[in-house]
Protein backbone atom coordinates (compact mmCIF):
# COMPACT_ATOMS: atom_id res chain seq x y z
CA MET A 1 0.00 0.00 0.00
CA ALA A 2 1.00 3.62 -0.42
CA GLY A 3 -0.32 7.04 0.40
CA LEU A 4 -0.30 10.00 -1.97
CA THR A 5 0.64 13.64 -1.67
CA LEU A 6 -0.59 16.23 -4.18
CA SER A 7 1.13 19.59 -3.83
CA ALA A 8 -0.06 22.66 -5.78
CA LEU A 9 -1.10 20.53 -8.77
CA HIS A 10 -2.10 22.48 -11.87
CA LYS A 11 -3.31 21.29 -15.24
CA SER A 12 -3.78 23.63 -18.19
CA TYR A 13 -4.75 23.10 -21.80
CA GLY A 14 -3.27 26.16 -23.46
CA LYS A 15 -4.78 29.13 -21.66
CA VAL A 16 -7.54 27.08 -20.06
CA ASP A 17 -6.88 26.10 -16.43
CA VAL A 18 -8.63 22.84 -15.56
CA ILE A 19 -6.97 21.94 -12.22
CA LYS A 20 -6.13 25.01 -10.17
CA GLY A 21 -3.66 24.28 -7.41
CA VAL A 22 -4.85 21.11 -5.66
CA ASP A 23 -3.21 20.27 -2.31
CA LEU A 24 -4.23 16.91 -0.89
CA THR A 25 -2.88 14.13 1.32
CA ILE A 26 -4.25 10.59 1.00
CA GLU A 27 -3.19 8.17 3.72
CA ASN A 28 -2.24 4.51 3.30
CA GLY A 29 -5.36 2.35 2.96
CA GLU A 30 -7.83 5.24 2.71
CA PHE A 31 -10.85 5.12 0.43
CA VAL A 32 -11.02 8.62 -1.03
CA VAL A 33 -13.78 9.80 -3.37
CA PHE A 34 -13.45 12.73 -5.77
CA VAL A 35 -16.94 14.12 -6.32
CA GLY A 36 -18.40 17.08 -8.14
CA PRO A 37 -20.54 18.06 -11.14
CA SER A 38 -19.60 17.24 -14.72
CA GLY A 39 -16.62 19.28 -15.86
CA CYS A 40 -15.31 19.99 -12.35
CA GLY A 41 -11.95 18.30 -13.06
CA LYS A 42 -12.30 15.13 -10.98
CA SER A 43 -11.51 12.70 -13.83
CA THR A 44 -8.65 14.90 -15.04
CA LEU A 45 -7.16 14.85 -11.54
CA LEU A 46 -7.47 11.06 -11.42
CA ARG A 47 -5.77 10.75 -14.82
CA MET A 48 -2.94 12.97 -13.59
CA ILE A 49 -2.41 10.55 -10.69
CA ALA A 50 -2.48 7.64 -13.15
CA GLY A 51 0.05 9.32 -15.45
CA LEU A 52 -2.42 9.54 -18.34
CA GLU A 53 -2.34 13.36 -18.20
CA ASP A 54 0.79 15.46 -17.87
CA ILE A 55 1.16 17.71 -14.83
CA THR A 56 1.51 21.37 -15.81
CA SER A 57 3.00 22.32 -12.44
CA GLY A 58 3.15 21.07 -8.86
CA GLU A 59 4.27 17.73 -7.44
CA LEU A 60 2.71 14.28 -7.17
CA TYR A 61 4.13 11.72 -4.74
CA ILE A 62 2.99 8.10 -4.54
CA GLY A 63 4.53 6.87 -1.33
CA ASP A 64 7.95 8.51 -1.20
CA GLN A 65 8.41 8.59 -4.98
CA LEU A 66 8.02 11.80 -6.99
CA CYS A 67 5.93 10.61 -9.95
CA ASN A 68 5.57 13.68 -12.18
CA ASP A 69 7.65 12.07 -14.92
CA VAL A 70 7.17 8.38 -14.06
CA GLU A 71 5.48 6.26 -16.73
CA PRO A 72 2.00 4.91 -15.83
CA ARG A 73 3.22 1.29 -15.90
CA ASP A 74 5.87 2.13 -13.29
CA ARG A 75 3.57 3.86 -10.78
CA SER A 76 2.23 0.72 -9.03
CA ILE A 77 -1.34 1.76 -9.75
CA ALA A 78 -4.23 -0.05 -11.41
CA MET A 79 -7.14 1.77 -13.00
CA VAL A 80 -10.73 0.64 -13.54
CA PHE A 81 -12.51 2.67 -16.20
CA GLN A 82 -16.14 3.51 -16.87
CA SER A 83 -15.98 1.27 -19.96
CA TYR A 84 -15.04 -2.31 -19.17
CA ALA A 85 -12.49 -2.57 -22.04
CA LEU A 86 -12.63 -6.38 -22.12
CA TYR A 87 -11.41 -8.48 -25.02
CA PRO A 88 -14.57 -10.08 -26.44
CA HIS A 89 -12.79 -13.15 -27.89
CA MET A 90 -11.10 -14.04 -24.57
CA THR A 91 -12.57 -15.87 -21.60
CA VAL A 92 -12.90 -14.16 -18.22
CA TYR A 93 -9.83 -16.14 -17.10
CA ASP A 94 -7.74 -14.81 -19.98
CA ASN A 95 -9.06 -11.25 -19.64
CA VAL A 96 -8.15 -11.12 -15.96
CA GLY A 97 -4.69 -12.54 -16.56
CA PHE A 98 -3.83 -10.74 -19.80
CA GLY A 99 -1.63 -8.09 -18.19
CA LEU A 100 0.26 -10.77 -16.27
CA LYS A 101 0.82 -12.71 -19.50
CA LEU A 102 2.23 -9.60 -21.19
CA SER A 103 4.66 -9.14 -18.31
CA ASN A 104 5.81 -12.78 -18.68
CA THR A 105 4.54 -13.83 -15.26
CA PRO A 106 5.08 -17.58 -14.86
CA LYS A 107 1.97 -19.61 -15.70
CA ASP A 108 1.55 -21.15 -12.24
CA ILE A 109 1.81 -17.77 -10.48
CA ARG A 110 -0.53 -16.24 -13.04
CA ASP A 111 -3.09 -18.98 -12.43
CA GLN A 112 -2.83 -18.51 -8.67
CA LYS A 113 -3.42 -14.75 -8.91
CA ILE A 114 -6.33 -15.10 -11.34
CA ARG A 115 -8.10 -17.63 -9.15
CA GLU A 116 -7.49 -15.59 -5.99
CA ALA A 117 -9.00 -12.49 -7.66
CA ALA A 118 -11.96 -14.61 -8.81
CA ARG A 119 -12.44 -15.88 -5.25
CA ILE A 120 -12.38 -12.37 -3.80
CA LEU A 121 -14.93 -11.16 -6.37
CA LYS A 122 -17.03 -14.36 -6.16
CA MET A 123 -16.78 -15.05 -9.87
CA GLU A 124 -15.05 -18.45 -9.95
CA HIS A 125 -18.04 -19.81 -11.91
CA LEU A 126 -17.54 -17.19 -14.63
CA LEU A 127 -13.91 -17.92 -15.53
CA ASP A 128 -14.74 -19.97 -18.65
CA ARG A 129 -17.29 -17.52 -20.04
CA LYS A 130 -16.69 -14.74 -22.55
CA PRO A 131 -17.75 -11.10 -21.99
CA GLY A 132 -20.77 -11.45 -24.28
CA GLN A 133 -22.20 -14.01 -21.87
CA LEU A 134 -21.97 -11.69 -18.86
CA SER A 135 -24.21 -9.02 -17.35
CA GLY A 136 -22.95 -5.45 -16.95
CA GLY A 137 -22.20 -6.01 -13.27
CA GLN A 138 -20.28 -9.20 -14.03
CA ARG A 139 -18.23 -7.43 -16.69
CA GLN A 140 -17.32 -4.72 -14.21
CA ARG A 141 -16.19 -7.39 -11.74
CA VAL A 142 -13.92 -8.81 -14.43
CA ALA A 143 -12.42 -5.35 -14.99
CA ILE A 144 -11.83 -5.03 -11.24
CA GLY A 145 -10.31 -8.53 -11.17
CA ARG A 146 -7.86 -7.48 -13.88
CA ALA A 147 -6.76 -4.68 -11.56
CA ILE A 148 -6.51 -6.91 -8.47
CA VAL A 149 -4.09 -9.41 -10.03
CA ARG A 150 -1.56 -6.63 -10.55
CA GLN A 151 -1.42 -6.17 -6.76
CA PRO A 152 -1.02 -2.40 -7.07
CA GLU A 153 -0.33 -0.03 -4.21
CA VAL A 154 -3.18 2.24 -5.36
CA PHE A 155 -6.48 1.44 -7.09
CA LEU A 156 -8.06 4.15 -9.26
CA PHE A 157 -11.76 3.96 -10.21
CA ASP A 158 -13.14 6.35 -12.85
CA GLU A 159 -16.96 6.32 -12.55
CA PRO A 160 -17.02 2.50 -12.70
CA LEU A 161 -20.77 2.17 -12.08
CA SER A 162 -22.06 4.70 -14.62
CA ASN A 163 -23.07 2.07 -17.19
CA LEU A 164 -25.05 -0.06 -14.73
CA ASP A 165 -28.77 0.09 -13.96
CA ALA A 166 -29.93 1.27 -10.54
CA ALA A 167 -30.13 -2.16 -8.87
CA LEU A 168 -26.73 -3.26 -10.20
CA ARG A 169 -25.18 0.02 -9.10
CA VAL A 170 -26.20 -0.70 -5.51
CA ASP A 171 -24.95 -4.30 -5.64
CA THR A 172 -21.62 -3.42 -7.27
CA ARG A 173 -21.11 -0.51 -4.90
CA MET A 174 -21.42 -2.94 -1.99
CA GLU A 175 -18.91 -5.26 -3.66
CA ILE A 176 -16.38 -2.45 -4.04
CA ALA A 177 -16.80 -1.52 -0.36
CA LYS A 178 -16.24 -5.17 0.64
CA LEU A 179 -13.21 -5.32 -1.67
CA HIS A 180 -11.65 -2.37 0.13
CA ALA A 181 -12.32 -4.00 3.49
CA THR A 182 -10.72 -7.23 2.26
CA LEU A 183 -7.64 -5.78 0.57
CA GLY A 184 -7.08 -2.72 2.76
CA SER A 185 -5.55 -0.98 -0.27
CA THR A 186 -5.51 2.74 -1.00
CA MET A 187 -8.42 3.48 -3.33
CA ILE A 188 -9.35 6.67 -5.18
CA TYR A 189 -12.80 6.72 -6.72
CA VAL A 190 -14.33 9.31 -9.04
CA THR A 191 -18.08 9.85 -9.27
CA HIS A 192 -20.65 12.58 -9.85
CA ASP A 193 -23.09 10.64 -7.65
CA GLN A 194 -22.93 12.02 -4.11
CA VAL A 195 -24.79 8.95 -2.75
CA GLU A 196 -21.90 6.77 -3.94
CA ALA A 197 -19.50 9.23 -2.33
CA MET A 198 -21.34 9.24 1.00
CA THR A 199 -21.63 5.46 1.24
CA LEU A 200 -18.14 4.45 0.07
CA ALA A 201 -15.71 7.09 1.26
CA ASP A 202 -13.49 7.41 4.28
CA LYS A 203 -12.78 10.89 2.94
CA ILE A 204 -14.56 12.96 0.28
CA VAL A 205 -12.89 15.60 -1.88
CA VAL A 206 -15.50 18.00 -3.31
CA LEU A 207 -14.34 19.74 -6.51
CA ASP A 208 -15.85 22.57 -8.50
CA ALA A 209 -14.23 24.21 -11.53
CA GLY A 210 -10.87 22.63 -10.74
CA VAL A 211 -10.78 23.89 -7.15
CA VAL A 212 -11.12 21.80 -3.99
CA GLN A 213 -14.11 23.17 -2.10
CA GLN A 214 -13.83 20.94 0.97
CA VAL A 215 -12.17 17.74 2.17
CA GLY A 216 -13.61 15.68 5.02
CA SER A 217 -15.52 12.61 6.13
CA PRO A 218 -19.00 12.10 4.65
CA ILE A 219 -20.78 13.07 7.87
CA GLU A 220 -18.56 16.14 8.31
CA LEU A 221 -19.44 17.41 4.84
CA TYR A 222 -23.14 16.70 5.42
CA GLN A 223 -23.36 18.37 8.83
CA ARG A 224 -20.71 21.08 8.47
CA PRO A 225 -20.41 22.15 4.80
CA ALA A 226 -17.83 24.86 4.25
CA ASN A 227 -19.87 26.80 1.71
CA LEU A 228 -23.08 26.96 -0.31
CA PHE A 229 -21.70 24.76 -3.07
CA VAL A 230 -20.85 21.86 -0.76
CA ALA A 231 -24.12 22.28 1.17
CA GLY A 232 -26.11 22.08 -2.05
CA PHE A 233 -24.14 19.20 -3.56
CA ILE A 234 -23.87 16.84 -0.58
CA GLY A 235 -27.18 15.41 0.59
CA SER A 236 -30.18 13.99 -1.24
CA PRO A 237 -32.61 15.66 -1.62
CA LYS A 238 -30.43 18.78 -1.69
CA MET A 239 -30.54 21.45 1.00
CA ASN A 240 -33.19 24.19 0.80
CA PHE A 241 -31.94 27.78 0.56
CA VAL A 242 -33.61 31.15 1.03
CA GLU A 243 -32.37 34.71 1.54
CA VAL A 244 -32.93 36.18 5.01
CA THR A 245 -32.15 39.42 6.84
CA VAL A 246 -30.37 39.67 10.19
CA ASP A 247 -32.76 41.14 12.79
CA ALA A 248 -30.48 40.83 15.81
CA VAL A 249 -26.95 39.73 16.70
CA GLU A 250 -26.67 37.83 19.97
CA SER A 251 -23.89 35.83 21.57
CA ASP A 252 -23.20 32.91 19.23
CA THR A 253 -26.66 33.38 17.65
CA LEU A 254 -28.18 35.33 14.78
CA VAL A 255 -31.88 36.15 14.67
CA VAL A 256 -33.04 36.13 11.04
CA SER A 257 -36.29 36.47 9.12
CA SER A 258 -37.66 37.13 5.65
CA LYS A 259 -40.87 37.13 3.65
CA ASP A 260 -40.63 33.32 3.73
CA VAL A 261 -39.32 32.70 7.25
CA ALA A 262 -40.64 33.92 10.60
CA ARG A 263 -38.03 35.02 13.14
CA LEU A 264 -35.59 32.18 13.69
CA ARG A 265 -32.68 32.10 16.13
CA VAL A 266 -29.81 30.22 14.49
CA PRO A 267 -26.53 29.31 16.22
CA ALA A 268 -23.78 30.92 14.15
CA ARG A 269 -20.40 32.64 14.07
CA VAL A 270 -21.43 36.26 14.56
CA THR A 271 -18.09 38.05 14.08
CA GLY A 272 -18.35 40.60 11.28
CA VAL A 273 -22.13 40.18 10.86
CA ASN A 274 -24.29 43.29 11.33
CA VAL A 275 -28.02 43.89 11.74
CA ASN A 276 -29.80 44.15 8.36
CA ALA A 277 -27.12 42.07 6.63
CA LEU A 278 -28.41 39.74 3.93
CA LEU A 279 -27.55 36.07 4.48
CA THR A 280 -28.63 32.73 3.02
CA LEU A 281 -30.44 30.26 5.27
CA GLY A 282 -30.04 26.56 4.51
CA ILE A 283 -32.23 23.79 5.96
CA ARG A 284 -32.25 20.16 4.83
CA PRO A 285 -35.60 18.64 3.76
CA TYR A 286 -35.32 15.94 6.45
CA ASP A 287 -35.04 18.61 9.17
CA LEU A 288 -38.51 20.06 8.54
CA GLN A 289 -41.65 18.89 10.35
CA PRO A 290 -45.33 19.99 10.17
CA HIS A 291 -46.11 22.33 13.06
CA ASP A 292 -48.85 24.93 13.56
CA GLY A 293 -47.18 28.31 13.83
CA GLY A 294 -43.88 26.99 12.42
CA ALA A 295 -41.25 29.38 11.07
CA ILE A 296 -41.80 28.42 7.42
CA LEU A 297 -45.11 28.65 5.56
CA GLY A 298 -45.56 27.35 2.02
CA ARG A 299 -48.15 26.19 -0.44
CA VAL A 300 -48.06 22.50 -1.40
CA SER A 301 -47.32 22.17 -5.14
CA LEU A 302 -46.65 18.43 -5.37
CA VAL A 303 -46.89 15.40 -3.08
CA GLU A 304 -44.80 12.25 -3.67
CA ARG A 305 -45.94 9.32 -1.52
CA LEU A 306 -43.30 6.64 -1.00
CA GLY A 307 -45.02 4.75 1.81
CA ASN A 308 -42.39 5.12 4.51
CA GLU A 309 -42.05 8.83 3.79
CA THR A 310 -43.77 11.67 1.92
CA ILE A 311 -41.81 14.16 -0.19
CA VAL A 312 -43.59 17.51 -0.27
CA ASN A 313 -42.78 20.19 -2.84
CA LEU A 314 -43.57 23.65 -1.48
CA GLU A 315 -43.76 27.13 -2.94
CA LEU A 316 -42.87 29.78 -0.37
CA ALA A 317 -44.33 33.29 -0.33
CA SER A 318 -41.47 34.64 -2.46
CA GLY A 319 -41.97 31.86 -4.99
CA ALA A 320 -38.89 29.96 -3.81
CA PRO A 321 -39.25 26.16 -4.23
CA TRP A 322 -38.56 24.04 -1.11
CA LEU A 323 -38.74 20.35 -0.29
CA ALA A 324 -39.77 18.67 2.95
CA VAL A 325 -39.36 14.94 3.59
CA LEU A 326 -41.91 13.87 6.19
CA ASP A 327 -42.29 10.56 7.99
CA GLY A 328 -44.99 8.13 6.85
CA ASP A 329 -47.92 8.83 4.57
CA GLN A 330 -49.01 12.42 5.23
CA PRO A 331 -52.61 13.51 4.44
CA LEU A 332 -51.63 16.47 2.24
CA GLU A 333 -53.24 17.88 -0.88
CA ILE A 334 -51.91 20.09 -3.67
CA GLY A 335 -52.81 23.73 -3.04
CA GLN A 336 -53.10 23.60 0.74
CA ASN A 337 -50.95 25.74 3.00
CA LEU A 338 -48.42 23.95 5.20
CA SER A 339 -46.62 25.33 8.22
CA LEU A 340 -43.25 23.77 9.01
CA ALA A 341 -40.96 23.96 12.00
CA ALA A 342 -37.18 23.65 11.71
CA ASP A 343 -34.63 22.73 14.36
CA PRO A 344 -32.45 25.87 14.53
CA ALA A 345 -29.47 23.76 15.61
CA LYS A 346 -29.58 22.01 12.21
CA ALA A 347 -30.00 25.20 10.17
CA ILE A 348 -26.94 26.81 8.57
CA LEU A 349 -26.37 30.44 7.64
CA PHE A 350 -24.06 31.51 4.80
CA ASP A 351 -22.57 34.97 4.26
CA LYS A 352 -22.68 37.07 1.07
CA ASN A 353 -19.67 35.15 -0.27
CA GLY A 354 -21.40 31.81 0.28
CA LEU A 355 -19.17 30.82 3.20
CA SER A 356 -20.66 28.96 6.15
CA LEU A 357 -21.19 30.86 9.42
CA LEU A 358 -21.17 27.68 11.48
CA GLY A 359 -19.48 28.14 14.84
CA SER A 360 -16.86 25.86 16.34
CA ALA A 361 -17.77 22.19 16.48
């Protein structure tokens, strides 16, 4: 196993900056997920680690080795791509062991590694089949097996579940999590799906426009987002936002209100915040509950009944759309007014620059 250190990494294509000074430390055995919207630079950053993209400036260390100019084959990494890239005329056995054959690995050692990878991935019964006889999830397991037999220090996954249907995505995601627990290897995983990020990662790196917005554990990013971008990206359904005005500044608390929100006392970092300042209030849909005289009043525009919970689409007085996720099957109708209470301790205020005003943990 090996950790990685990224120091002031930049990647430019001509005058276009794609990666803008990334500093990051990945520890031995960590499962780290790069997440962000399409075009944020997460796959480019992964390809820089793999050696498939040149580094414009900065330094990349894998373990103690500076790898800026090291060829991909010499980096002790293995990469699993979105496309399976299997040879259709070869069996699963031959696909998994093809890289070992190219490197002239003795046949008995090659056989041992192939069968061990198949055991880990529970695909011993597939070894004699060809890719055309496999499901999408089975093909992805073969691609992962091809990486395992190389016994790399670092595994790289570039959106490996994107081609799978919803049920297979869940199953294969669980298999990747079990694989990490079994091997204990350093793994870096790229996805645009924040649910994958939350369920797989020891540490999440949130990227936007080539800039790291926040690094932390899944629960840290969910409960203590650094800014509006992270707050809106992490969590499903996404956090609700509305503009509010500061009515009073108290010790470790801001009293805010707006056309949409009755006076609400929110714990916050108050330094530099003045009365009448405009802030953004964020509340997650799961932190809202029906309550007569609640701080938030909206008109129900859509009701989605899922049995164990009810997703309510609301239109606030200003026209702002909000979501509330309520327990059970709620007796709500489109067009009715709904008053909601929010736990102030779970609300977050953001300043005019979009930075969180959360106080010390």
